[in-house]
């Protein structure tokens, strides 16, 4: 039955209202640049999603599910959107573009991600994914007519179209094998290759669409080019929020407990993704391109939890999604503050950061330590959860490769800190930082520490949500 209850989708309805306001602003010459309210509106959305019900409830003929997992991801999507919006309020790289247009497409993409958090029917998942993707396609070229931004957008669109087409084709295999596209029914079915080879092949193909969004090997090649070519503000959004939508769907799909063949294949992809991402990042001088390869590596770490499966593995992957978002928002916040006139930041631009802006140097160090996975940061505890889940399921080889790659990442992440603290600027200068910019930088750094020191409440909630989802 339809079972439409507006009280269950207040976060989504709130986002629709924000989109309506931004649309009106985008067609009004007088209002198009009045967008300082946007970050506060997104932050209020996080509060609304955070206090909304988490009791399992189906809507729209069982294609839309409200549960703890969906509400957790909606909350962190709104939080990430608030930081991305705050990062973009003073964006100087849009040229003559309408700022309200830019934020309209940013919020439209986030709206698609909100829908992804709750959709539990394969065709509806596909439509939600495209809604989130198309808006991001439009955002990427916004960069003062910079040809690199156009190149990044074209690559992202073309490769994304192929990945989603393969994913759509995979749905037909699942439908032919299991005779349904509803996740709650698919959870109860056999997914072994010996019993359901067609369905398992279809699931593998459908997962490719989300492997692409996650920038996991072998569909990782777009990430460094998109990060390097897009504006700093757009790169911040593209590197964080779309990954959340991919992770929440992969968490639900891996709840099927597919055959060992698919798990081993994903494990191999994870190992290659971690290794290739880290090795390629070692010789990068453009920091955004380095972080693009870094995202390839971190995608591999997320898959470690998904391969482990079970309530613990899925909770670990969900927690790492939050950790990944906060770590990357923190380092991109620093990059955007350092950047002059929206230009890309290179390693040499970090020289003497400790003297030009001690606060930004400290926040950079915190985020770099977290991305490596050093205690007591969020990166350490997040990886600990992932490795613990995989080790408990017998994926010892994957854990060993993950630990080795964590050690390998030290070389390029701590190189950022080395440039910031041990090298001096050729021409001494000061970086001006607004009070709001400084406060947000501190909050993000504290968030990185908090998630590493006190993870238990959030992780327990995710364990409960995963258990309810699998039951």
Protein backbone atom coordinates (compact mmCIF):
# COMPACT_ATOMS: atom_id res chain seq x y z
CA UNK A 1 0.00 0.00 0.00
CA UNK A 2 1.03 3.62 -0.52
CA UNK A 3 1.31 4.47 3.21
CA UNK A 4 2.14 8.17 2.71
CA UNK A 5 2.96 9.81 6.05
CA UNK A 6 4.50 13.31 5.69
CA UNK A 7 5.87 13.17 9.24
CA UNK A 8 8.27 10.41 8.20
CA UNK A 9 9.85 12.43 5.39
CA UNK A 10 10.22 15.85 7.02
CA UNK A 11 13.95 16.09 6.08
CA UNK A 12 13.10 15.47 2.41
CA UNK A 13 10.19 17.94 2.46
CA UNK A 14 12.44 20.51 4.12
CA UNK A 15 14.98 20.06 1.32
CA UNK A 16 12.24 20.52 -1.29
CA UNK A 17 11.34 23.82 0.39
CA UNK A 18 14.99 24.94 0.27
CA UNK A 19 15.18 24.02 -3.41
CA UNK A 20 12.05 26.07 -4.11
CA UNK A 21 13.61 29.11 -2.42
CA UNK A 22 16.88 28.68 -4.32
CA UNK A 23 14.98 28.32 -7.59
CA UNK A 24 13.17 31.61 -6.99
CA UNK A 25 16.49 33.25 -6.18
CA UNK A 26 18.11 31.86 -9.32
CA UNK A 27 15.56 33.56 -11.59
CA UNK A 28 15.61 36.84 -9.69
CA UNK A 29 18.31 39.35 -10.60
CA UNK A 30 17.92 41.08 -7.24
CA UNK A 31 18.15 37.95 -5.08
CA UNK A 32 20.56 35.72 -7.00
CA UNK A 33 23.63 36.59 -4.91
CA UNK A 34 21.97 36.66 -1.48
CA UNK A 35 23.01 33.21 -0.39
CA UNK A 36 24.60 33.72 3.05
CA UNK A 37 21.61 31.94 4.63
CA UNK A 38 22.35 28.64 2.84
CA UNK A 39 24.83 27.05 5.30
CA UNK A 40 22.54 27.77 8.26
CA UNK A 41 19.58 26.23 6.41
CA UNK A 42 21.60 23.07 5.73
CA UNK A 43 22.67 22.90 9.38
CA UNK A 44 19.03 23.14 10.45
CA UNK A 45 18.34 20.24 8.09
CA UNK A 46 20.90 18.15 9.99
CA UNK A 47 19.05 18.90 13.23
CA UNK A 48 15.71 17.96 11.67
CA UNK A 49 17.10 14.69 10.31
CA UNK A 50 18.88 13.96 13.59
CA UNK A 51 15.72 14.21 15.72
CA UNK A 52 13.43 12.44 13.24
CA UNK A 53 12.14 8.95 13.93
CA UNK A 54 14.35 5.94 13.33
CA UNK A 55 11.65 3.30 13.79
CA UNK A 56 11.54 1.06 10.69
CA UNK A 57 8.67 2.10 8.42
CA UNK A 58 7.96 1.52 4.73
CA UNK A 59 6.39 4.04 2.36
CA UNK A 60 5.42 4.28 -1.32
CA UNK A 61 4.57 0.62 -1.87
CA UNK A 62 7.63 -0.55 0.11
CA UNK A 63 10.08 1.26 -2.16
CA UNK A 64 11.08 3.80 0.51
CA UNK A 65 12.20 2.85 4.00
CA UNK A 66 12.70 5.01 7.06
CA UNK A 67 15.07 3.36 9.54
CA UNK A 68 18.10 4.10 11.67
CA UNK A 69 20.51 3.61 8.77
CA UNK A 70 18.66 6.03 6.49
CA UNK A 71 18.28 8.73 9.14
CA UNK A 72 21.97 8.49 10.11
CA UNK A 73 23.05 9.08 6.52
CA UNK A 74 20.52 11.88 6.03
CA UNK A 75 21.91 13.62 9.11
CA UNK A 76 25.52 13.45 7.99
CA UNK A 77 24.58 14.43 4.41
CA UNK A 78 23.00 17.62 5.77
CA UNK A 79 26.05 18.21 8.00
CA UNK A 80 28.42 17.78 5.07
CA UNK A 81 26.20 20.00 2.93
CA UNK A 82 26.35 22.74 5.58
CA UNK A 83 30.16 22.70 5.54
CA UNK A 84 30.31 22.58 1.73
CA UNK A 85 27.87 25.49 1.51
CA UNK A 86 29.86 27.51 4.06
CA UNK A 87 32.98 26.74 2.07
CA UNK A 88 31.32 28.04 -1.10
CA UNK A 89 29.53 31.16 0.15
CA UNK A 90 32.46 33.39 -0.74
CA UNK A 91 33.45 31.38 -3.80
CA UNK A 92 35.41 33.54 -6.22
CA UNK A 93 35.85 31.04 -9.03
CA UNK A 94 32.35 31.13 -10.48
CA UNK A 95 33.05 34.08 -12.74
CA UNK A 96 29.78 35.67 -13.88
CA UNK A 97 27.76 32.59 -12.98
CA UNK A 98 24.63 32.90 -10.90
CA UNK A 99 25.51 31.88 -7.32
CA UNK A 100 21.95 30.81 -6.59
CA UNK A 101 22.18 28.43 -9.56
CA UNK A 102 25.32 26.90 -8.14
CA UNK A 103 23.74 26.29 -4.74
CA UNK A 104 20.51 25.05 -6.35
CA UNK A 105 22.40 22.27 -8.12
CA UNK A 106 24.46 21.53 -5.00
CA UNK A 107 21.29 21.10 -2.95
CA UNK A 108 19.58 19.15 -5.74
CA UNK A 109 22.47 16.69 -5.76
CA UNK A 110 22.22 16.42 -1.97
CA UNK A 111 18.46 15.83 -2.34
CA UNK A 112 19.21 12.85 -4.57
CA UNK A 113 21.56 11.55 -1.88
CA UNK A 114 18.82 11.93 0.75
CA UNK A 115 16.54 9.82 -1.42
CA UNK A 116 19.31 7.23 -1.88
CA UNK A 117 19.50 6.87 1.90
CA UNK A 118 15.95 5.52 2.05
CA UNK A 119 15.25 3.94 -1.34
CA UNK A 120 14.97 0.16 -1.11
CA UNK A 121 13.83 -0.75 -4.62
CA UNK A 122 16.41 -1.16 -7.37
CA UNK A 123 14.83 1.01 -10.07
CA UNK A 124 14.09 3.73 -7.52
CA UNK A 125 17.70 3.54 -6.35
CA UNK A 126 18.81 4.03 -9.95
CA UNK A 127 16.60 7.11 -10.41
CA UNK A 128 17.81 8.63 -7.13
CA UNK A 129 21.41 8.02 -8.17
CA UNK A 130 20.86 9.83 -11.48
CA UNK A 131 19.19 12.77 -9.72
CA UNK A 132 22.26 13.16 -7.52
CA UNK A 133 24.64 12.70 -10.45
CA UNK A 134 23.11 15.04 -13.04
CA UNK A 135 23.27 18.02 -10.69
CA UNK A 136 26.93 17.33 -9.98
CA UNK A 137 27.62 17.13 -13.72
CA UNK A 138 26.38 20.72 -14.02
CA UNK A 139 28.41 21.96 -11.04
CA UNK A 140 31.79 20.68 -12.22
CA UNK A 141 32.39 23.16 -15.11
CA UNK A 142 31.75 26.22 -12.87
CA UNK A 143 35.29 27.60 -12.75
CA UNK A 144 35.85 30.88 -14.60
CA UNK A 145 35.87 29.09 -17.97
CA UNK A 146 38.87 27.04 -16.92
CA UNK A 147 39.32 24.29 -19.57
CA UNK A 148 40.43 21.81 -16.89
CA UNK A 149 36.99 22.07 -15.26
CA UNK A 150 35.26 21.33 -18.56
CA UNK A 151 37.59 18.37 -19.14
CA UNK A 152 36.83 17.06 -15.64
CA UNK A 153 33.08 17.37 -16.24
CA UNK A 154 33.22 15.58 -19.60
CA UNK A 155 35.24 12.70 -18.15
CA UNK A 156 32.93 12.36 -15.17
CA UNK A 157 29.82 12.40 -17.37
CA UNK A 158 31.06 9.92 -19.98
CA UNK A 159 32.51 7.39 -17.55
CA UNK A 160 29.52 7.82 -15.22
CA UNK A 161 27.07 7.17 -18.05
CA UNK A 162 28.79 3.89 -18.90
CA UNK A 163 28.91 2.76 -15.25
CA UNK A 164 25.24 3.54 -14.61
CA UNK A 165 24.22 1.87 -17.90
CA UNK A 166 25.99 -1.32 -16.80
CA UNK A 167 24.28 -1.00 -13.42
CA UNK A 168 20.87 -0.68 -15.05
CA UNK A 169 21.60 -3.73 -17.18
CA UNK A 170 22.49 -5.58 -13.97
CA UNK A 171 19.00 -4.93 -12.58
CA UNK A 172 17.53 -6.96 -15.45
CA UNK A 173 19.69 -9.94 -14.43
CA UNK A 174 18.59 -9.61 -10.80
CA UNK A 175 14.95 -9.37 -11.86
CA UNK A 176 15.31 -12.43 -14.10
CA UNK A 177 17.00 -14.46 -11.36
CA UNK A 178 15.08 -13.39 -8.24
CA UNK A 179 11.81 -12.10 -9.78
CA UNK A 180 11.71 -8.96 -7.63
CA UNK A 181 13.54 -5.66 -7.25
CA UNK A 182 12.54 -4.91 -3.65
CA UNK A 183 15.46 -4.98 -1.21
CA UNK A 184 13.43 -6.30 1.74
CA UNK A 185 12.44 -9.35 -0.35
CA UNK A 186 15.91 -9.80 -1.85
CA UNK A 187 17.37 -9.92 1.67
CA UNK A 188 15.63 -13.27 2.26
CA UNK A 189 16.85 -14.93 -0.93
CA UNK A 190 19.81 -17.12 -1.82
CA UNK A 191 22.71 -15.26 -3.46
CA UNK A 192 25.21 -18.09 -3.90
CA UNK A 193 26.73 -18.55 -7.34
CA UNK A 194 25.84 -22.24 -7.36
CA UNK A 195 22.12 -21.55 -6.86
CA UNK A 196 21.64 -18.09 -8.42
CA UNK A 197 24.47 -17.36 -10.88
CA UNK A 198 22.41 -14.90 -12.93
CA UNK A 199 21.30 -12.91 -9.89
CA UNK A 200 24.84 -12.74 -8.49
CA UNK A 201 26.21 -11.54 -11.84
CA UNK A 202 23.43 -8.94 -11.95
CA UNK A 203 24.26 -7.77 -8.44
CA UNK A 204 27.92 -7.44 -9.42
CA UNK A 205 26.97 -5.33 -12.44
CA UNK A 206 24.60 -3.17 -10.39
CA UNK A 207 27.34 -2.57 -7.82
CA UNK A 208 29.56 -1.15 -10.59
CA UNK A 209 27.49 2.04 -10.65
CA UNK A 210 28.31 2.62 -6.98
CA UNK A 211 31.89 1.40 -7.28
CA UNK A 212 32.29 4.22 -9.81
CA UNK A 213 30.85 6.82 -7.41
CA UNK A 214 33.09 5.51 -4.67
CA UNK A 215 36.16 5.75 -6.98
CA UNK A 216 37.11 2.14 -6.31
CA UNK A 217 39.46 0.23 -8.63
CA UNK A 218 38.92 -0.44 -11.54
CA UNK A 219 36.57 2.58 -11.96
CA UNK A 220 38.81 5.01 -10.12
CA UNK A 221 40.53 6.88 -12.93
CA UNK A 222 38.17 9.88 -12.92
CA UNK A 223 38.86 10.91 -9.31
CA UNK A 224 42.27 12.67 -9.59
CA UNK A 225 41.29 14.46 -12.83
CA UNK A 226 37.98 15.70 -11.40
CA UNK A 227 39.61 16.83 -8.16
CA UNK A 228 42.36 18.68 -9.99
CA UNK A 229 40.15 20.24 -12.66
CA UNK A 230 37.15 21.42 -10.64
CA UNK A 231 37.14 24.44 -8.37
CA UNK A 232 38.25 23.97 -4.76
CA UNK A 233 34.67 24.36 -3.53
CA UNK A 234 33.19 21.92 -6.03
CA UNK A 235 35.99 19.44 -5.36
CA UNK A 236 35.11 19.59 -1.66
CA UNK A 237 31.55 18.55 -2.44
CA UNK A 238 32.47 15.95 -5.08
CA UNK A 239 35.07 14.31 -2.82
CA UNK A 240 32.73 13.81 0.12
CA UNK A 241 28.93 13.76 -0.21
CA UNK A 242 28.44 11.55 -3.32
CA UNK A 243 30.55 8.90 -1.57
CA UNK A 244 27.96 8.78 1.24
CA UNK A 245 25.19 7.92 -1.20
CA UNK A 246 27.29 5.15 -2.72
CA UNK A 247 28.18 3.71 0.70
CA UNK A 248 24.63 3.60 2.07
CA UNK A 249 23.40 1.69 -1.02
CA UNK A 250 26.36 -0.70 -0.94
CA UNK A 251 25.69 -1.33 2.75
CA UNK A 252 22.11 -2.32 1.90
CA UNK A 253 23.16 -4.46 -1.06
CA UNK A 254 25.91 -6.26 0.85
CA UNK A 255 23.27 -7.07 3.45
CA UNK A 256 22.16 -9.73 0.94
CA UNK A 257 25.20 -11.74 2.08
CA UNK A 258 26.21 -12.57 -1.50
CA UNK A 259 28.32 -15.58 -2.43
CA UNK A 260 31.99 -15.76 -1.48
CA UNK A 261 32.89 -15.23 -5.16
CA UNK A 262 31.63 -11.64 -5.11
CA UNK A 263 33.18 -10.94 -1.72
CA UNK A 264 36.59 -12.15 -2.85
CA UNK A 265 36.30 -10.08 -6.05
CA UNK A 266 35.45 -6.95 -4.03
CA UNK A 267 38.29 -7.77 -1.64
CA UNK A 268 40.73 -7.89 -4.56
CA UNK A 269 39.35 -4.58 -5.85
CA UNK A 270 39.80 -3.11 -2.35
CA UNK A 271 43.41 -4.31 -2.10
CA UNK A 272 44.28 -2.94 -5.55
CA UNK A 273 42.44 0.31 -4.83
CA UNK A 274 44.35 0.89 -1.60
CA UNK A 275 47.70 0.06 -3.18
CA UNK A 276 47.29 1.91 -6.48
CA UNK A 277 45.81 4.96 -4.79
CA UNK A 278 48.65 5.24 -2.30
CA UNK A 279 51.44 4.57 -4.80
CA UNK A 280 50.06 7.12 -7.27
CA UNK A 281 49.65 9.74 -4.52
CA UNK A 282 53.33 9.52 -3.52
CA UNK A 283 54.68 11.66 -6.35
CA UNK A 284 51.86 14.22 -6.63
CA UNK A 285 52.53 17.91 -6.04
CA UNK A 286 49.00 19.21 -6.68
CA UNK A 287 47.29 18.63 -3.33
CA UNK A 288 43.81 18.14 -4.79
CA UNK A 289 45.13 15.56 -7.23
CA UNK A 290 46.89 13.88 -4.31
CA UNK A 291 43.59 13.80 -2.42
CA UNK A 292 41.93 12.37 -5.52
CA UNK A 293 44.26 9.36 -5.35
CA UNK A 294 43.78 9.35 -1.59
CA UNK A 295 40.03 8.93 -2.12
CA UNK A 296 40.77 5.89 -4.29
CA UNK A 297 42.73 4.40 -1.40
CA UNK A 298 40.03 5.18 1.18
CA UNK A 299 37.38 3.60 -1.05
CA UNK A 300 39.34 0.38 -0.61
CA UNK A 301 39.17 0.72 3.16
CA UNK A 302 35.38 1.15 3.06
CA UNK A 303 35.06 -2.05 1.03
CA UNK A 304 36.96 -3.95 3.75
CA UNK A 305 33.95 -3.50 6.06
CA UNK A 306 31.45 -4.33 3.31
CA UNK A 307 33.31 -7.52 2.42
CA UNK A 308 33.25 -8.58 6.08
CA UNK A 309 29.47 -8.10 6.11
CA UNK A 310 27.25 -8.81 9.08
CA UNK A 311 26.02 -6.15 11.47
CA UNK A 312 29.54 -5.32 12.67
CA UNK A 313 31.05 -5.01 9.19
CA UNK A 314 28.20 -2.88 7.84
CA UNK A 315 28.28 -0.65 10.94
CA UNK A 316 32.06 -0.26 10.53
CA UNK A 317 31.62 0.78 6.87
CA UNK A 318 28.89 3.26 7.84
CA UNK A 319 31.03 4.74 10.60
CA UNK A 320 33.97 5.08 8.23
CA UNK A 321 31.69 6.96 5.83
CA UNK A 322 31.22 9.60 8.54
CA UNK A 323 34.92 9.58 9.37
CA UNK A 324 35.92 9.91 5.72
CA UNK A 325 33.57 12.86 5.23
CA UNK A 326 34.82 14.76 8.27
CA UNK A 327 38.52 14.16 7.51
CA UNK A 328 38.19 15.35 3.92
CA UNK A 329 35.98 18.33 4.74
CA UNK A 330 38.65 19.41 7.23
CA UNK A 331 41.59 19.24 4.84
CA UNK A 332 39.63 20.80 1.97
CA UNK A 333 38.59 23.65 4.28
CA UNK A 334 42.29 24.39 4.83
CA UNK A 335 43.06 24.17 1.11
CA UNK A 336 40.27 26.58 0.21
CA UNK A 337 41.46 29.10 2.83
CA UNK A 338 45.05 28.89 1.56
CA UNK A 339 44.13 29.16 -2.11
CA UNK A 340 44.48 32.57 -3.68
CA UNK A 341 41.82 33.49 -6.24
CA UNK A 342 40.60 29.91 -6.36
CA UNK A 343 43.83 28.48 -7.79
CA UNK A 344 44.99 24.94 -7.10
CA UNK A 345 47.24 24.54 -4.08
CA UNK A 346 50.60 22.80 -4.51
CA UNK A 347 52.94 21.35 -1.90
CA UNK A 348 55.24 24.37 -2.07
CA UNK A 349 52.28 26.61 -1.23
CA UNK A 350 52.24 24.99 2.22
CA UNK A 351 55.77 26.13 3.01
CA UNK A 352 55.83 28.15 6.21
CA UNK A 353 52.11 27.72 6.89
CA UNK A 354 52.90 27.52 10.60
CA UNK A 355 54.00 31.18 10.50
CA UNK A 356 51.50 32.55 7.96
CA UNK A 357 48.53 30.91 9.75
CA UNK A 358 49.29 28.80 12.85
CA UNK A 359 45.65 27.74 13.16
CA UNK A 360 45.39 26.41 9.61
CA UNK A 361 48.72 24.60 10.03
CA UNK A 362 47.40 22.87 13.15
CA UNK A 363 44.10 21.90 11.49
CA UNK A 364 46.03 20.63 8.46
CA UNK A 365 48.16 18.46 10.75
CA UNK A 366 45.09 17.03 12.51
CA UNK A 367 43.42 16.12 9.22
CA UNK A 368 46.65 14.64 7.80
CA UNK A 369 47.18 12.49 10.91
CA UNK A 370 43.57 11.31 10.63
CA UNK A 371 43.88 10.43 6.95
CA UNK A 372 46.96 8.34 7.78
CA UNK A 373 45.08 6.63 10.60
CA UNK A 374 47.16 7.71 13.59
CA UNK A 375 45.65 7.69 17.11
CA UNK A 376 43.76 9.38 18.66
CA UNK A 377 42.08 10.59 15.47
CA UNK A 378 38.94 9.36 13.75
CA UNK A 379 40.96 7.70 10.99
CA UNK A 380 42.58 5.34 13.48
CA UNK A 381 39.40 4.13 15.17
CA UNK A 382 37.57 3.93 11.84
CA UNK A 383 40.22 1.64 10.37
CA UNK A 384 40.32 -0.35 13.60
CA UNK A 385 36.60 -1.12 13.28
CA UNK A 386 37.03 -2.10 9.62
CA UNK A 387 40.04 -4.33 10.23
CA UNK A 388 38.38 -5.94 13.25
CA UNK A 389 35.32 -6.84 11.17
CA UNK A 390 37.38 -8.30 8.32
CA UNK A 391 39.70 -10.22 10.66
CA UNK A 392 36.73 -11.76 12.45
CA UNK A 393 35.39 -13.06 9.12
CA UNK A 394 38.71 -14.61 8.09
CA UNK A 395 39.87 -12.02 5.55
CA UNK A 396 43.35 -11.93 7.07
CA UNK A 397 45.08 -11.15 3.77
CA UNK A 398 42.91 -8.10 3.23
CA UNK A 399 43.64 -6.76 6.71
CA UNK A 400 47.40 -7.22 6.23
CA UNK A 401 47.27 -5.34 2.91
CA UNK A 402 45.25 -2.60 4.59
CA UNK A 403 47.77 -2.20 7.41
CA UNK A 404 50.67 -2.06 4.94
CA UNK A 405 48.87 0.61 2.93
CA UNK A 406 48.18 2.63 6.07
CA UNK A 407 51.92 2.66 6.69
CA UNK A 408 52.60 3.59 3.07
CA UNK A 409 50.22 6.56 3.27
CA UNK A 410 52.37 8.12 6.01
CA UNK A 411 54.91 9.25 3.42
CA UNK A 412 52.64 11.60 1.48
CA UNK A 413 50.23 12.71 4.19
CA UNK A 414 52.98 13.67 6.62
CA UNK A 415 54.78 15.37 3.75
CA UNK A 416 52.00 17.98 3.95
CA UNK A 417 52.84 18.57 7.61
CA UNK A 418 56.57 18.65 6.83
CA UNK A 419 56.07 21.45 4.32
CA UNK A 420 53.82 23.36 6.69
CA UNK A 421 56.09 23.17 9.76
CA UNK A 422 59.70 22.62 8.70
CA UNK A 423 60.02 24.80 5.60
CA UNK A 424 59.97 28.57 5.37
CA UNK A 425 58.24 30.73 2.80
CA UNK A 426 60.37 32.35 0.11
CA UNK A 427 58.33 35.55 0.51
CA UNK A 428 56.86 35.78 4.05
CA UNK A 429 53.12 36.54 4.09
CA UNK A 430 50.06 36.21 6.30
CA UNK A 431 46.85 34.37 5.44
CA UNK A 432 43.79 36.34 6.44
CA UNK A 433 41.19 34.16 8.14
CA UNK A 434 37.74 35.41 9.08
CA UNK A 435 36.39 34.63 12.58
CA UNK A 436 33.75 32.36 11.01
CA UNK A 437 36.40 30.57 8.96
CA UNK A 438 38.55 30.04 12.06
CA UNK A 439 35.63 28.76 14.13
CA UNK A 440 34.57 26.24 11.49
CA UNK A 441 38.18 25.07 11.10
CA UNK A 442 38.42 24.45 14.85
CA UNK A 443 35.04 22.65 14.94
CA UNK A 444 36.09 20.35 12.10
CA UNK A 445 39.42 19.55 13.78
CA UNK A 446 37.63 18.84 17.07
CA UNK A 447 35.19 16.61 15.18
CA UNK A 448 38.11 14.58 13.85
CA UNK A 449 39.43 14.12 17.39
CA UNK A 450 35.99 13.46 18.92
CA UNK A 451 35.18 10.67 16.46
CA UNK A 452 38.51 9.05 17.33
CA UNK A 453 38.25 9.37 21.11
CA UNK A 454 34.52 8.81 21.72
CA UNK A 455 33.15 6.64 18.91
CA UNK A 456 31.10 4.23 20.98
CA UNK A 457 27.69 5.94 21.06
CA UNK A 458 27.57 6.46 17.31
CA UNK A 459 28.96 3.00 16.59
CA UNK A 460 26.46 1.35 18.96
CA UNK A 461 23.64 3.18 17.15
CA UNK A 462 24.96 1.92 13.81
CA UNK A 463 25.25 -1.62 15.16
CA UNK A 464 21.60 -1.49 16.24
CA UNK A 465 20.54 0.02 12.89
CA UNK A 466 22.48 -2.66 10.96
CA UNK A 467 21.03 -5.45 13.09
CA UNK A 468 17.47 -4.16 12.49
CA UNK A 469 18.15 -3.86 8.78
CA UNK A 470 19.45 -7.43 8.50
CA UNK A 471 16.74 -9.00 10.66
